[in-house]
Amino acid sequence: MMAIDTLIPARTAVLFFDMLNGHVKKDDPKTQARYQPVVAAASQVLQAARANSMMVAYAAANHRADNATTGQTIRDTNGRLQPIPLEQNQKPIFKPVVSGGTWESAVIDELAPAPEDYLIPKYRWSAFYQTYLDLALRTRGINTIIICGGSTDVGVASTAYAARDMDYNLVFVSDASSSPETDNHEQFMRRIFPRMGRVRTAAQVTEMLKAGAGK
């Protein structure tokens, strides 16, 4: 049986979730400051993946600008927990955060994809829902996914629940993930994700890959 603090590179993939210009580098000092250490930690994970010739995938929002493929479910609040008036639920006026084919939808330069990497366009929170991610992972014989990105409590969580139900081992990189609601991030990392996989820092993940190299 694989040691709990060992990762075999050939059976492990790194998934960066929505590490896009539109989320990470939007014109908001608080967001940019929040993501600065997250990007540094994610870059450390990417460097370790490259050193071990691992599968690297990028799940990226790919919404149509006209909302034709955007979820329009009736709900109490928007993503920032601001109430949605009833008339807006009846006639949605939601503006996509990230439209496909724009600067906003591109992966940040610090984590720039290589030609051999996998770009996973997505239209819902989960990186698995109606995408080719599961097929790509199984074709490579991957059984473990290292997840980085944001938001922890939204897309990362949705993807993690789907992956768990498909029996993938999960490693959550706590310092390479983020949420605008810090308490939500901490809650998932302390009380939810440990029941679904292993919660580790970027430095710990690097050591786990070193321990599993050549196995």
Protein backbone atom coordinates (compact mmCIF):
# COMPACT_ATOMS: atom_id res chain seq x y z
CA MET A 1 0.00 0.00 0.00
CA MET A 2 1.19 3.50 -0.82
CA ALA A 3 2.54 5.44 2.15
CA ILE A 4 0.23 8.29 3.14
CA ASP A 5 2.98 10.87 2.62
CA THR A 6 4.19 9.49 -0.69
CA LEU A 7 2.97 10.48 -4.13
CA ILE A 8 3.95 8.47 -7.19
CA PRO A 9 4.40 11.04 -9.97
CA ALA A 10 3.36 8.69 -12.78
CA ARG A 11 0.00 8.05 -11.08
CA THR A 12 -0.58 11.64 -9.95
CA ALA A 13 -1.88 14.71 -11.77
CA VAL A 14 -1.93 18.36 -10.77
CA LEU A 15 -5.15 20.27 -11.42
CA PHE A 16 -5.10 24.07 -11.30
CA PHE A 17 -8.64 25.35 -10.90
CA ASP A 18 -9.60 28.75 -12.36
CA MET A 19 -6.14 30.28 -11.94
CA LEU A 20 -7.12 32.81 -14.57
CA ASN A 21 -6.40 36.46 -15.20
CA GLY A 22 -10.04 37.35 -14.63
CA HIS A 23 -9.99 35.91 -11.13
CA VAL A 24 -6.41 36.39 -9.98
CA LYS A 25 -5.40 39.65 -11.66
CA LYS A 26 -8.62 41.65 -11.73
CA ASP A 27 -8.38 45.31 -10.85
CA ASP A 28 -8.87 44.89 -7.12
CA PRO A 29 -5.96 45.36 -4.68
CA LYS A 30 -7.50 43.04 -2.05
CA THR A 31 -7.85 40.20 -4.54
CA GLN A 32 -4.34 40.68 -5.87
CA ALA A 33 -2.90 40.71 -2.35
CA ARG A 34 -4.87 37.58 -1.40
CA TYR A 35 -3.61 35.68 -4.42
CA GLN A 36 0.06 36.69 -4.16
CA PRO A 37 1.08 33.91 -1.72
CA VAL A 38 -1.34 31.48 -3.41
CA VAL A 39 0.35 31.98 -6.79
CA ALA A 40 3.78 31.49 -5.19
CA ALA A 41 2.69 28.20 -3.62
CA ALA A 42 0.99 27.03 -6.83
CA SER A 43 4.16 27.82 -8.77
CA GLN A 44 6.10 25.61 -6.35
CA VAL A 45 3.70 22.74 -7.05
CA LEU A 46 3.96 23.31 -10.80
CA GLN A 47 7.75 23.29 -10.62
CA ALA A 48 7.66 19.95 -8.79
CA ALA A 49 5.24 18.55 -11.38
CA ARG A 50 7.48 19.64 -14.23
CA ALA A 51 10.53 18.12 -12.55
CA ASN A 52 8.69 14.79 -12.37
CA SER A 53 7.16 14.90 -15.89
CA MET A 54 3.66 14.75 -14.41
CA MET A 55 0.28 15.33 -15.99
CA VAL A 56 -0.78 18.96 -15.50
CA ALA A 57 -4.33 20.12 -16.18
CA TYR A 58 -6.02 23.51 -16.04
CA ALA A 59 -9.75 23.76 -15.42
CA ALA A 60 -10.87 27.10 -16.83
CA ALA A 61 -14.22 28.88 -16.93
CA ASN A 62 -15.36 29.20 -20.54
CA HIS A 63 -18.68 31.07 -20.35
CA ARG A 64 -20.40 32.51 -23.40
CA ALA A 65 -20.67 36.29 -23.27
CA ASP A 66 -24.41 36.03 -23.97
CA ASN A 67 -25.02 33.70 -20.98
CA ALA A 68 -26.40 30.97 -23.25
CA THR A 69 -24.45 28.25 -21.41
CA THR A 70 -24.34 29.88 -17.97
CA GLY A 71 -26.23 28.36 -15.05
CA GLN A 72 -29.32 30.44 -14.24
CA THR A 73 -30.78 28.61 -11.26
CA ILE A 74 -33.07 30.44 -8.88
CA ARG A 75 -31.19 31.20 -5.67
CA ASP A 76 -31.21 33.56 -2.71
CA THR A 77 -27.87 35.31 -3.27
CA ASN A 78 -25.08 35.86 -5.75
CA GLY A 79 -21.55 34.58 -5.24
CA ARG A 80 -20.79 37.30 -2.73
CA LEU A 81 -23.87 36.44 -0.64
CA GLN A 82 -25.69 39.57 -1.77
CA PRO A 83 -29.47 39.00 -2.05
CA ILE A 84 -30.87 38.61 -5.57
CA PRO A 85 -34.17 40.47 -6.05
CA LEU A 86 -37.05 38.27 -7.17
CA GLU A 87 -37.41 40.09 -10.48
CA GLN A 88 -33.78 39.27 -11.34
CA ASN A 89 -34.40 35.57 -10.69
CA GLN A 90 -37.36 35.75 -13.05
CA LYS A 91 -35.32 37.53 -15.71
CA PRO A 92 -31.62 36.80 -15.11
CA ILE A 93 -29.19 39.61 -15.85
CA PHE A 94 -26.13 37.74 -14.62
CA LYS A 95 -22.90 38.93 -16.23
CA PRO A 96 -20.26 36.22 -16.68
CA VAL A 97 -17.14 36.76 -14.62
CA VAL A 98 -15.01 35.13 -17.30
CA SER A 99 -15.99 34.83 -20.96
CA GLY A 100 -14.16 32.30 -23.13
CA GLY A 101 -11.55 33.55 -25.59
CA THR A 102 -10.73 36.68 -23.60
CA TRP A 103 -7.71 37.84 -21.60
CA GLU A 104 -9.73 37.14 -18.47
CA SER A 105 -10.12 33.46 -19.40
CA ALA A 106 -6.39 32.86 -19.94
CA VAL A 107 -4.25 31.06 -17.35
CA ILE A 108 -1.98 33.45 -15.47
CA ASP A 109 1.57 33.75 -16.80
CA GLU A 110 3.08 32.43 -13.57
CA LEU A 111 1.43 29.04 -14.24
CA ALA A 112 1.62 29.13 -18.02
CA PRO A 113 0.58 25.83 -19.64
CA ALA A 114 3.09 23.83 -21.69
CA PRO A 115 2.13 22.26 -25.04
CA GLU A 116 1.70 18.83 -23.46
CA ASP A 117 -0.64 20.05 -20.72
CA TYR A 118 -4.43 19.61 -20.64
CA LEU A 119 -6.78 22.60 -20.90
CA ILE A 120 -10.23 21.72 -19.55
CA PRO A 121 -12.92 24.24 -20.56
CA LYS A 122 -15.79 24.11 -18.08
CA TYR A 123 -19.26 25.60 -17.84
CA ARG A 124 -20.23 24.74 -14.27
CA TRP A 125 -18.46 24.64 -10.91
CA SER A 126 -17.13 21.10 -11.22
CA ALA A 127 -14.18 20.48 -13.52
CA PHE A 128 -15.68 17.04 -14.22
CA TYR A 129 -19.18 18.03 -15.29
CA GLN A 130 -19.49 17.41 -19.06
CA THR A 131 -15.73 17.81 -19.64
CA TYR A 132 -13.08 15.32 -20.77
CA LEU A 133 -11.10 15.47 -17.52
CA ASP A 134 -12.04 12.01 -16.24
CA LEU A 135 -11.24 10.44 -19.63
CA ALA A 136 -7.86 12.17 -19.75
CA LEU A 137 -6.96 11.03 -16.23
CA ARG A 138 -7.97 7.41 -16.76
CA THR A 139 -6.17 7.23 -20.10
CA ARG A 140 -2.96 8.22 -18.29
CA GLY A 141 -3.58 5.74 -15.45
CA ILE A 142 -3.92 8.54 -12.90
CA ASN A 143 -5.46 7.66 -9.54
CA THR A 144 -4.49 10.74 -7.51
CA ILE A 145 -5.22 14.42 -8.09
CA ILE A 146 -3.43 17.34 -6.48
CA ILE A 147 -5.86 20.28 -6.47
CA CYS A 148 -4.87 23.95 -6.33
CA GLY A 149 -6.79 27.14 -7.05
CA GLY A 150 -9.97 28.93 -6.18
CA SER A 151 -12.45 29.32 -4.95
CA THR A 152 -11.91 26.69 -2.28
CA ASP A 153 -15.55 26.53 -1.25
CA VAL A 154 -17.02 26.68 -4.76
CA GLY A 155 -15.25 25.16 -7.77
CA VAL A 156 -12.51 23.36 -5.84
CA ALA A 157 -15.07 21.81 -3.50
CA SER A 158 -17.45 20.87 -6.33
CA THR A 159 -14.61 19.23 -8.25
CA ALA A 160 -13.41 17.42 -5.15
CA TYR A 161 -16.83 15.95 -4.39
CA ALA A 162 -17.07 14.67 -7.97
CA ALA A 163 -13.55 13.22 -7.87
CA ARG A 164 -14.20 11.47 -4.57
CA ASP A 165 -17.34 9.86 -5.96
CA MET A 166 -15.23 8.51 -8.83
CA ASP A 167 -12.72 7.06 -6.34
CA TYR A 168 -9.80 9.38 -7.06
CA ASN A 169 -7.34 10.00 -4.24
CA LEU A 170 -7.18 13.71 -3.47
CA VAL A 171 -4.48 16.02 -2.17
CA PHE A 172 -5.57 19.56 -1.32
CA VAL A 173 -2.81 22.16 -1.35
CA SER A 174 -3.92 24.47 1.44
CA ASP A 175 -1.62 27.41 0.69
CA ALA A 176 -2.12 27.14 -3.08
CA SER A 177 -5.90 27.56 -2.78
CA SER A 178 -8.04 30.51 -1.81
CA SER A 179 -11.50 31.93 -1.30
CA PRO A 180 -12.74 35.51 -0.89
CA GLU A 181 -14.34 34.25 2.32
CA THR A 182 -11.33 33.26 4.42
CA ASP A 183 -13.48 31.50 7.01
CA ASN A 184 -14.94 29.27 4.27
CA HIS A 185 -11.44 28.34 3.06
CA GLU A 186 -10.33 27.45 6.56
CA GLN A 187 -13.49 25.48 7.28
CA PHE A 188 -13.02 23.29 4.22
CA MET A 189 -9.32 22.75 4.86
CA ARG A 190 -9.83 21.89 8.54
CA ARG A 191 -13.17 20.10 8.70
CA ILE A 192 -14.26 18.86 5.27
CA PHE A 193 -11.35 18.09 2.99
CA PRO A 194 -9.51 15.89 5.54
CA ARG A 195 -12.49 13.50 5.26
CA MET A 196 -12.05 13.36 1.49
CA GLY A 197 -8.28 13.27 1.05
CA ARG A 198 -5.02 14.68 2.34
CA VAL A 199 -4.54 18.38 3.14
CA ARG A 200 -0.94 19.48 2.68
CA THR A 201 1.12 22.59 1.96
CA ALA A 202 3.00 23.11 -1.30
CA ALA A 203 6.28 22.32 0.47
CA GLN A 204 4.85 19.07 1.82
CA VAL A 205 3.53 18.07 -1.61
CA THR A 206 6.98 18.63 -3.09
CA GLU A 207 8.49 16.30 -0.49
CA MET A 208 5.77 13.69 -1.09
CA LEU A 209 6.63 13.66 -4.79
CA LYS A 210 10.34 13.32 -4.01
CA ALA A 211 9.53 10.33 -1.80
CA GLY A 212 7.56 8.67 -4.57
CA ALA A 213 9.88 9.42 -7.47
CA GLY A 214 11.08 6.30 -9.25
CA LYS A 215 8.38 4.08 -7.74
